Amino acid sequence: MNLKESLELNLAMILDESYYEHESKIFVEDLISYLPSLQRRVIKEKFLYGYSYKEIGDRLNISRQVVNGIKNRALNNLRKLI
């Protein structure tokens, strides 16, 4: 592969938004994997699946306030990792 082909390939990757979406998804999944299981579940259900605090609380048999606290601890843990 010559330099021109390599530059064209790299430019195509930069212009392809799905490439970044894929990279971002891998990054987020990797970060979330460091969380304790309950925090990981709350983050996934809240931000990836779009459940409300009440829905998550009902699924886990805890109050929405506790769900919010778990979410806040998870986000603080993620901030430390970044």
PDB file of N, CA and C in Angstrom:
ATOM      1  N   MET A   1       0.858  -1.178   0.000  1.00  0.00           N
ATOM      2  CA  MET A   1       0.000   0.000   0.000  1.00  0.00           C
ATOM      3  C   MET A   1       0.897   1.232   0.000  1.00  0.00           C
ATOM      4  N   ASN A   2       0.619   2.135  -0.947  1.00  0.00           N
ATOM      5  CA  ASN A   2       1.442   3.332  -1.005  1.00  0.00           C
ATOM      6  C   ASN A   2       0.877   4.413  -0.082  1.00  0.00           C
ATOM      7  N   LEU A   3       1.603   5.489   0.044  1.00  0.00           N
ATOM      8  CA  LEU A   3       1.226   6.566   0.967  1.00  0.00           C
ATOM      9  C   LEU A   3      -0.124   7.177   0.600  1.00  0.00           C
ATOM     10  N   LYS A   4      -0.383   7.368  -0.696  1.00  0.00           N
ATOM     11  CA  LYS A   4      -1.645   7.971  -1.122  1.00  0.00           C
ATOM     12  C   LYS A   4      -2.829   7.075  -0.722  1.00  0.00           C
ATOM     13  N   GLU A   5      -2.700   5.757  -0.950  1.00  0.00           N
ATOM     14  CA  GLU A   5      -3.773   4.832  -0.569  1.00  0.00           C
ATOM     15  C   GLU A   5      -3.986   4.840   0.937  1.00  0.00           C
ATOM     16  N   SER A   6      -2.891   4.892   1.683  1.00  0.00           N
ATOM     17  CA  SER A   6      -2.970   4.912   3.140  1.00  0.00           C
ATOM     18  C   SER A   6      -3.676   6.176   3.630  1.00  0.00           C
ATOM     19  N   LEU A   7      -3.348   7.320   3.060  1.00  0.00           N
ATOM     20  CA  LEU A   7      -3.982   8.578   3.456  1.00  0.00           C
ATOM     21  C   LEU A   7      -5.460   8.573   3.102  1.00  0.00           C
ATOM     22  N   GLU A   8      -5.812   8.027   1.933  1.00  0.00           N
ATOM     23  CA  GLU A   8      -7.212   7.954   1.539  1.00  0.00           C
ATOM     24  C   GLU A   8      -7.992   7.060   2.492  1.00  0.00           C
ATOM     25  N   LEU A   9      -7.390   5.944   2.887  1.00  0.00           N
ATOM     26  CA  LEU A   9      -8.037   5.027   3.818  1.00  0.00           C
ATOM     27  C   LEU A   9      -8.249   5.703   5.170  1.00  0.00           C
ATOM     28  N   ASN A  10      -7.230   6.388   5.667  1.00  0.00           N
ATOM     29  CA  ASN A  10      -7.355   7.083   6.949  1.00  0.00           C
ATOM     30  C   ASN A  10      -8.392   8.197   6.885  1.00  0.00           C
ATOM     31  N   LEU A  11      -8.438   8.913   5.769  1.00  0.00           N
ATOM     32  CA  LEU A  11      -9.420   9.971   5.607  1.00  0.00           C
ATOM     33  C   LEU A  11     -10.825   9.384   5.582  1.00  0.00           C
ATOM     34  N   ALA A  12     -10.995   8.254   4.911  1.00  0.00           N
ATOM     35  CA  ALA A  12     -12.304   7.600   4.865  1.00  0.00           C
ATOM     36  C   ALA A  12     -12.742   7.199   6.264  1.00  0.00           C
ATOM     37  N   MET A  13     -11.805   6.730   7.080  1.00  0.00           N
ATOM     38  CA  MET A  13     -12.131   6.343   8.455  1.00  0.00           C
ATOM     39  C   MET A  13     -12.531   7.564   9.273  1.00  0.00           C
ATOM     40  N   ILE A  14     -11.863   8.684   9.067  1.00  0.00           N
ATOM     41  CA  ILE A  14     -12.176   9.908   9.805  1.00  0.00           C
ATOM     42  C   ILE A  14     -13.558  10.422   9.433  1.00  0.00           C
ATOM     43  N   LEU A  15     -13.904  10.338   8.157  1.00  0.00           N
ATOM     44  CA  LEU A  15     -15.194  10.834   7.689  1.00  0.00           C
ATOM     45  C   LEU A  15     -16.343   9.894   8.028  1.00  0.00           C
ATOM     46  N   ASP A  16     -16.044   8.643   8.331  1.00  0.00           N
ATOM     47  CA  ASP A  16     -17.067   7.654   8.637  1.00  0.00           C
ATOM     48  C   ASP A  16     -17.462   7.766  10.102  1.00  0.00           C
ATOM     49  N   GLU A  17     -18.623   8.369  10.376  1.00  0.00           N
ATOM     50  CA  GLU A  17     -19.074   8.568  11.755  1.00  0.00           C
ATOM     51  C   GLU A  17     -19.308   7.254  12.479  1.00  0.00           C
ATOM     52  N   SER A  18     -19.694   6.214  11.769  1.00  0.00           N
ATOM     53  CA  SER A  18     -19.949   4.929  12.423  1.00  0.00           C
ATOM     54  C   SER A  18     -18.665   4.367  13.035  1.00  0.00           C
ATOM     55  N   TYR A  19     -17.513   4.715  12.457  1.00  0.00           N
ATOM     56  CA  TYR A  19     -16.228   4.286  13.025  1.00  0.00           C
ATOM     57  C   TYR A  19     -16.073   4.842  14.431  1.00  0.00           C
ATOM     58  N   TYR A  20     -16.371   6.141  14.606  1.00  0.00           N
ATOM     59  CA  TYR A  20     -16.247   6.753  15.924  1.00  0.00           C
ATOM     60  C   TYR A  20     -17.306   6.245  16.881  1.00  0.00           C
ATOM     61  N   GLU A  21     -18.500   5.999  16.368  1.00  0.00           N
ATOM     62  CA  GLU A  21     -19.546   5.448  17.216  1.00  0.00           C
ATOM     63  C   GLU A  21     -19.120   4.091  17.749  1.00  0.00           C
ATOM     64  N   HIS A  22     -18.506   3.294  16.897  1.00  0.00           N
ATOM     65  CA  HIS A  22     -18.040   1.966  17.310  1.00  0.00           C
ATOM     66  C   HIS A  22     -16.922   2.099  18.347  1.00  0.00           C
ATOM     67  N   GLU A  23     -15.965   2.982  18.076  1.00  0.00           N
ATOM     68  CA  GLU A  23     -14.866   3.215  19.016  1.00  0.00           C
ATOM     69  C   GLU A  23     -15.392   3.724  20.357  1.00  0.00           C
ATOM     70  N   SER A  24     -16.342   4.641  20.331  1.00  0.00           N
ATOM     71  CA  SER A  24     -16.913   5.188  21.560  1.00  0.00           C
ATOM     72  C   SER A  24     -17.640   4.108  22.345  1.00  0.00           C
ATOM     73  N   LYS A  25     -18.372   3.271  21.636  1.00  0.00           N
ATOM     74  CA  LYS A  25     -19.112   2.196  22.297  1.00  0.00           C
ATOM     75  C   LYS A  25     -18.158   1.238  23.005  1.00  0.00           C
ATOM     76  N   ILE A  26     -17.073   0.890  22.345  1.00  0.00           N
ATOM     77  CA  ILE A  26     -16.080   0.007  22.963  1.00  0.00           C
ATOM     78  C   ILE A  26     -15.475   0.673  24.195  1.00  0.00           C
ATOM     79  N   PHE A  27     -15.151   1.961  24.092  1.00  0.00           N
ATOM     80  CA  PHE A  27     -14.570   2.704  25.209  1.00  0.00           C
ATOM     81  C   PHE A  27     -15.521   2.725  26.403  1.00  0.00           C
ATOM     82  N   VAL A  28     -16.791   3.022  26.145  1.00  0.00           N
ATOM     83  CA  VAL A  28     -17.785   3.090  27.220  1.00  0.00           C
ATOM     84  C   VAL A  28     -17.983   1.709  27.847  1.00  0.00           C
ATOM     85  N   GLU A  29     -18.104   0.683  27.031  1.00  0.00           N
ATOM     86  CA  GLU A  29     -18.285  -0.669  27.561  1.00  0.00           C
ATOM     87  C   GLU A  29     -17.090  -1.087  28.408  1.00  0.00           C
ATOM     88  N   ASP A  30     -15.898  -0.710  27.966  1.00  0.00           N
ATOM     89  CA  ASP A  30     -14.695  -1.034  28.730  1.00  0.00           C
ATOM     90  C   ASP A  30     -14.697  -0.308  30.075  1.00  0.00           C
ATOM     91  N   LEU A  31     -15.047   0.972  30.081  1.00  0.00           N
ATOM     92  CA  LEU A  31     -15.117   1.731  31.337  1.00  0.00           C
ATOM     93  C   LEU A  31     -16.147   1.136  32.286  1.00  0.00           C
ATOM     94  N   ILE A  32     -17.338   0.843  31.766  1.00  0.00           N
ATOM     95  CA  ILE A  32     -18.409   0.309  32.599  1.00  0.00           C
ATOM     96  C   ILE A  32     -18.017  -1.033  33.216  1.00  0.00           C
ATOM     97  N   SER A  33     -17.194  -1.790  32.518  1.00  0.00           N
ATOM     98  CA  SER A  33     -16.805  -3.115  33.031  1.00  0.00           C
ATOM     99  C   SER A  33     -16.028  -3.024  34.344  1.00  0.00           C
ATOM    100  N   TYR A  34     -15.451  -1.861  34.656  1.00  0.00           N
ATOM    101  CA  TYR A  34     -14.703  -1.683  35.898  1.00  0.00           C
ATOM    102  C   TYR A  34     -15.612  -1.417  37.105  1.00  0.00           C
ATOM    103  N   LEU A  35     -16.872  -1.129  36.851  1.00  0.00           N
ATOM    104  CA  LEU A  35     -17.800  -0.837  37.949  1.00  0.00           C
ATOM    105  C   LEU A  35     -18.262  -2.112  38.642  1.00  0.00           C
ATOM    106  N   PRO A  36     -18.603  -2.009  39.925  1.00  0.00           N
ATOM    107  CA  PRO A  36     -19.248  -3.147  40.597  1.00  0.00           C
ATOM    108  C   PRO A  36     -20.554  -3.488  39.873  1.00  0.00           C
ATOM    109  N   SER A  37     -20.989  -4.720  39.983  1.00  0.00           N
ATOM    110  CA  SER A  37     -22.109  -5.210  39.177  1.00  0.00           C
ATOM    111  C   SER A  37     -23.389  -4.379  39.330  1.00  0.00           C
ATOM    112  N   LEU A  38     -23.744  -3.964  40.544  1.00  0.00           N
ATOM    113  CA  LEU A  38     -24.968  -3.190  40.729  1.00  0.00           C
ATOM    114  C   LEU A  38     -24.859  -1.821  40.058  1.00  0.00           C
ATOM    115  N   GLN A  39     -23.723  -1.163  40.209  1.00  0.00           N
ATOM    116  CA  GLN A  39     -23.509   0.130  39.557  1.00  0.00           C
ATOM    117  C   GLN A  39     -23.539  -0.035  38.041  1.00  0.00           C
ATOM    118  N   ARG A  40     -22.906  -1.087  37.554  1.00  0.00           N
ATOM    119  CA  ARG A  40     -22.889  -1.357  36.117  1.00  0.00           C
ATOM    120  C   ARG A  40     -24.310  -1.549  35.589  1.00  0.00           C
ATOM    121  N   ARG A  41     -25.116  -2.308  36.326  1.00  0.00           N
ATOM    122  CA  ARG A  41     -26.490  -2.565  35.900  1.00  0.00           C
ATOM    123  C   ARG A  41     -27.316  -1.279  35.870  1.00  0.00           C
ATOM    124  N   VAL A  42     -27.192  -0.457  36.907  1.00  0.00           N
ATOM    125  CA  VAL A  42     -27.946   0.801  36.955  1.00  0.00           C
ATOM    126  C   VAL A  42     -27.534   1.716  35.801  1.00  0.00           C
ATOM    127  N   ILE A  43     -26.250   1.844  35.542  1.00  0.00           N
ATOM    128  CA  ILE A  43     -25.773   2.699  34.448  1.00  0.00           C
ATOM    129  C   ILE A  43     -26.303   2.197  33.108  1.00  0.00           C
ATOM    130  N   LYS A  44     -26.229   0.902  32.891  1.00  0.00           N
ATOM    131  CA  LYS A  44     -26.723   0.349  31.625  1.00  0.00           C
ATOM    132  C   LYS A  44     -28.226   0.569  31.476  1.00  0.00           C
ATOM    133  N   GLU A  45     -28.971   0.275  32.533  1.00  0.00           N
ATOM    134  CA  GLU A  45     -30.421   0.412  32.433  1.00  0.00           C
ATOM    135  C   GLU A  45     -30.846   1.866  32.280  1.00  0.00           C
ATOM    136  N   LYS A  46     -30.132   2.774  32.912  1.00  0.00           N
ATOM    137  CA  LYS A  46     -30.493   4.193  32.835  1.00  0.00           C
ATOM    138  C   LYS A  46     -30.080   4.803  31.492  1.00  0.00           C
ATOM    139  N   PHE A  47     -28.823   4.646  31.124  1.00  0.00           N
ATOM    140  CA  PHE A  47     -28.299   5.366  29.975  1.00  0.00           C
ATOM    141  C   PHE A  47     -28.332   4.582  28.666  1.00  0.00           C
ATOM    142  N   LEU A  48     -28.210   3.282  28.714  1.00  0.00           N
ATOM    143  CA  LEU A  48     -28.237   2.513  27.479  1.00  0.00           C
ATOM    144  C   LEU A  48     -29.643   2.069  27.099  1.00  0.00           C
ATOM    145  N   TYR A  49     -30.445   1.701  28.108  1.00  0.00           N
ATOM    146  CA  TYR A  49     -31.784   1.186  27.829  1.00  0.00           C
ATOM    147  C   TYR A  49     -32.880   2.215  28.086  1.00  0.00           C
ATOM    148  N   GLY A  50     -32.548   3.331  28.739  1.00  0.00           N
ATOM    149  CA  GLY A  50     -33.485   4.424  28.906  1.00  0.00           C
ATOM    150  C   GLY A  50     -34.564   4.234  29.958  1.00  0.00           C
ATOM    151  N   TYR A  51     -34.345   3.324  30.911  1.00  0.00           N
ATOM    152  CA  TYR A  51     -35.326   3.133  31.981  1.00  0.00           C
ATOM    153  C   TYR A  51     -35.314   4.326  32.932  1.00  0.00           C
ATOM    154  N   SER A  52     -36.449   4.615  33.543  1.00  0.00           N
ATOM    155  CA  SER A  52     -36.528   5.675  34.551  1.00  0.00           C
ATOM    156  C   SER A  52     -35.987   5.131  35.878  1.00  0.00           C
ATOM    157  N   TYR A  53     -35.746   6.046  36.813  1.00  0.00           N
ATOM    158  CA  TYR A  53     -35.288   5.622  38.143  1.00  0.00           C
ATOM    159  C   TYR A  53     -36.317   4.704  38.796  1.00  0.00           C
ATOM    160  N   LYS A  54     -37.579   5.022  38.620  1.00  0.00           N
ATOM    161  CA  LYS A  54     -38.638   4.195  39.201  1.00  0.00           C
ATOM    162  C   LYS A  54     -38.649   2.806  38.587  1.00  0.00           C
ATOM    163  N   GLU A  55     -38.518   2.728  37.269  1.00  0.00           N
ATOM    164  CA  GLU A  55     -38.503   1.420  36.611  1.00  0.00           C
ATOM    165  C   GLU A  55     -37.321   0.577  37.062  1.00  0.00           C
ATOM    166  N   ILE A  56     -36.170   1.207  37.179  1.00  0.00           N
ATOM    167  CA  ILE A  56     -34.985   0.476  37.644  1.00  0.00           C
ATOM    168  C   ILE A  56     -35.196   0.028  39.088  1.00  0.00           C
ATOM    169  N   GLY A  57     -35.704   0.928  39.919  1.00  0.00           N
ATOM    170  CA  GLY A  57     -35.977   0.585  41.309  1.00  0.00           C
ATOM    171  C   GLY A  57     -36.947  -0.570  41.431  1.00  0.00           C
ATOM    172  N   ASP A  58     -37.997  -0.558  40.627  1.00  0.00           N
ATOM    173  CA  ASP A  58     -38.966  -1.659  40.651  1.00  0.00           C
ATOM    174  C   ASP A  58     -38.310  -2.974  40.236  1.00  0.00           C
ATOM    175  N   ARG A  59     -37.456  -2.921  39.240  1.00  0.00           N
ATOM    176  CA  ARG A  59     -36.777  -4.132  38.765  1.00  0.00           C
ATOM    177  C   ARG A  59     -35.807  -4.686  39.812  1.00  0.00           C
ATOM    178  N   LEU A  60     -35.184  -3.771  40.584  1.00  0.00           N
ATOM    179  CA  LEU A  60     -34.193  -4.181  41.580  1.00  0.00           C
ATOM    180  C   LEU A  60     -34.770  -4.275  42.998  1.00  0.00           C
ATOM    181  N   ASN A  61     -36.038  -3.897  43.126  1.00  0.00           N
ATOM    182  CA  ASN A  61     -36.690  -3.942  44.437  1.00  0.00           C
ATOM    183  C   ASN A  61     -36.074  -2.952  45.425  1.00  0.00           C
ATOM    184  N   ILE A  62     -35.744  -1.757  44.923  1.00  0.00           N
ATOM    185  CA  ILE A  62     -35.192  -0.687  45.754  1.00  0.00           C
ATOM    186  C   ILE A  62     -35.887   0.619  45.357  1.00  0.00           C
ATOM    187  N   SER A  63     -35.740   1.648  46.179  1.00  0.00           N
ATOM    188  CA  SER A  63     -36.399   2.925  45.885  1.00  0.00           C
ATOM    189  C   SER A  63     -35.654   3.664  44.770  1.00  0.00           C
ATOM    190  N   ARG A  64     -36.359   4.613  44.159  1.00  0.00           N
ATOM    191  CA  ARG A  64     -35.727   5.408  43.100  1.00  0.00           C
ATOM    192  C   ARG A  64     -34.604   6.265  43.664  1.00  0.00           C
ATOM    193  N   GLN A  65     -34.725   6.668  44.940  1.00  0.00           N
ATOM    194  CA  GLN A  65     -33.664   7.460  45.571  1.00  0.00           C
ATOM    195  C   GLN A  65     -32.381   6.636  45.695  1.00  0.00           C
ATOM    196  N   VAL A  66     -32.539   5.367  46.047  1.00  0.00           N
ATOM    197  CA  VAL A  66     -31.364   4.486  46.145  1.00  0.00           C
ATOM    198  C   VAL A  66     -30.759   4.292  44.765  1.00  0.00           C
ATOM    199  N   VAL A  67     -31.599   4.141  43.744  1.00  0.00           N
ATOM    200  CA  VAL A  67     -31.108   4.007  42.370  1.00  0.00           C
ATOM    201  C   VAL A  67     -30.296   5.240  41.996  1.00  0.00           C
ATOM    202  N   ASN A  68     -30.796   6.419  42.320  1.00  0.00           N
ATOM    203  CA  ASN A  68     -30.087   7.659  42.017  1.00  0.00           C
ATOM    204  C   ASN A  68     -28.734   7.702  42.738  1.00  0.00           C
ATOM    205  N   GLY A  69     -28.699   7.270  43.980  1.00  0.00           N
ATOM    206  CA  GLY A  69     -27.435   7.237  44.720  1.00  0.00           C
ATOM    207  C   GLY A  69     -26.436   6.279  44.089  1.00  0.00           C
ATOM    208  N   ILE A  70     -26.913   5.126  43.658  1.00  0.00           N
ATOM    209  CA  ILE A  70     -26.038   4.144  43.001  1.00  0.00           C
ATOM    210  C   ILE A  70     -25.499   4.731  41.700  1.00  0.00           C
ATOM    211  N   LYS A  71     -26.389   5.392  40.952  1.00  0.00           N
ATOM    212  CA  LYS A  71     -25.965   6.027  39.700  1.00  0.00           C
ATOM    213  C   LYS A  71     -24.897   7.087  39.955  1.00  0.00           C
ATOM    214  N   ASN A  72     -25.094   7.914  40.981  1.00  0.00           N
ATOM    215  CA  ASN A  72     -24.120   8.961  41.299  1.00  0.00           C
ATOM    216  C   ASN A  72     -22.771   8.374  41.701  1.00  0.00           C
ATOM    217  N   ARG A  73     -22.780   7.305  42.496  1.00  0.00           N
ATOM    218  CA  ARG A  73     -21.518   6.642  42.867  1.00  0.00           C
ATOM    219  C   ARG A  73     -20.833   6.067  41.630  1.00  0.00           C
ATOM    220  N   ALA A  74     -21.628   5.479  40.736  1.00  0.00           N
ATOM    221  CA  ALA A  74     -21.068   4.912  39.512  1.00  0.00           C
ATOM    222  C   ALA A  74     -20.428   5.999  38.661  1.00  0.00           C
ATOM    223  N   LEU A  75     -21.110   7.128  38.504  1.00  0.00           N
ATOM    224  CA  LEU A  75     -20.554   8.223  37.708  1.00  0.00           C
ATOM    225  C   LEU A  75     -19.287   8.778  38.331  1.00  0.00           C
ATOM    226  N   ASN A  76     -19.239   8.872  39.659  1.00  0.00           N
ATOM    227  CA  ASN A  76     -18.008   9.307  40.329  1.00  0.00           C
ATOM    228  C   ASN A  76     -16.876   8.328  40.084  1.00  0.00           C
ATOM    229  N   ASN A  77     -17.181   7.033  40.127  1.00  0.00           N
ATOM    230  CA  ASN A  77     -16.163   6.022  39.849  1.00  0.00           C
ATOM    231  C   ASN A  77     -15.671   6.123  38.409  1.00  0.00           C
ATOM    232  N   LEU A  78     -16.578   6.376  37.475  1.00  0.00           N
ATOM    233  CA  LEU A  78     -16.190   6.519  36.074  1.00  0.00           C
ATOM    234  C   LEU A  78     -15.326   7.765  35.868  1.00  0.00           C
ATOM    235  N   ARG A  79     -15.651   8.847  36.582  1.00  0.00           N
ATOM    236  CA  ARG A  79     -14.834  10.068  36.480  1.00  0.00           C
ATOM    237  C   ARG A  79     -13.402   9.799  36.932  1.00  0.00           C
ATOM    238  N   LYS A  80     -13.241   8.996  37.957  1.00  0.00           N
ATOM    239  CA  LYS A  80     -11.906   8.657  38.458  1.00  0.00           C
ATOM    240  C   LYS A  80     -11.120   7.873  37.416  1.00  0.00           C
ATOM    241  N   LEU A  81     -11.810   7.047  36.645  1.00  0.00           N
ATOM    242  CA  LEU A  81     -11.144   6.232  35.626  1.00  0.00           C
ATOM    243  C   LEU A  81     -10.709   7.055  34.422  1.00  0.00           C
ATOM    244  N   ILE A  82     -11.454   8.128  34.167  1.00  0.00           N
ATOM    245  CA  ILE A  82     -11.127   8.965  33.007  1.00  0.00           C
ATOM    246  C   ILE A  82     -10.075   9.960  33.431  1.00  0.00           C
TER     247      ILE A  82
END
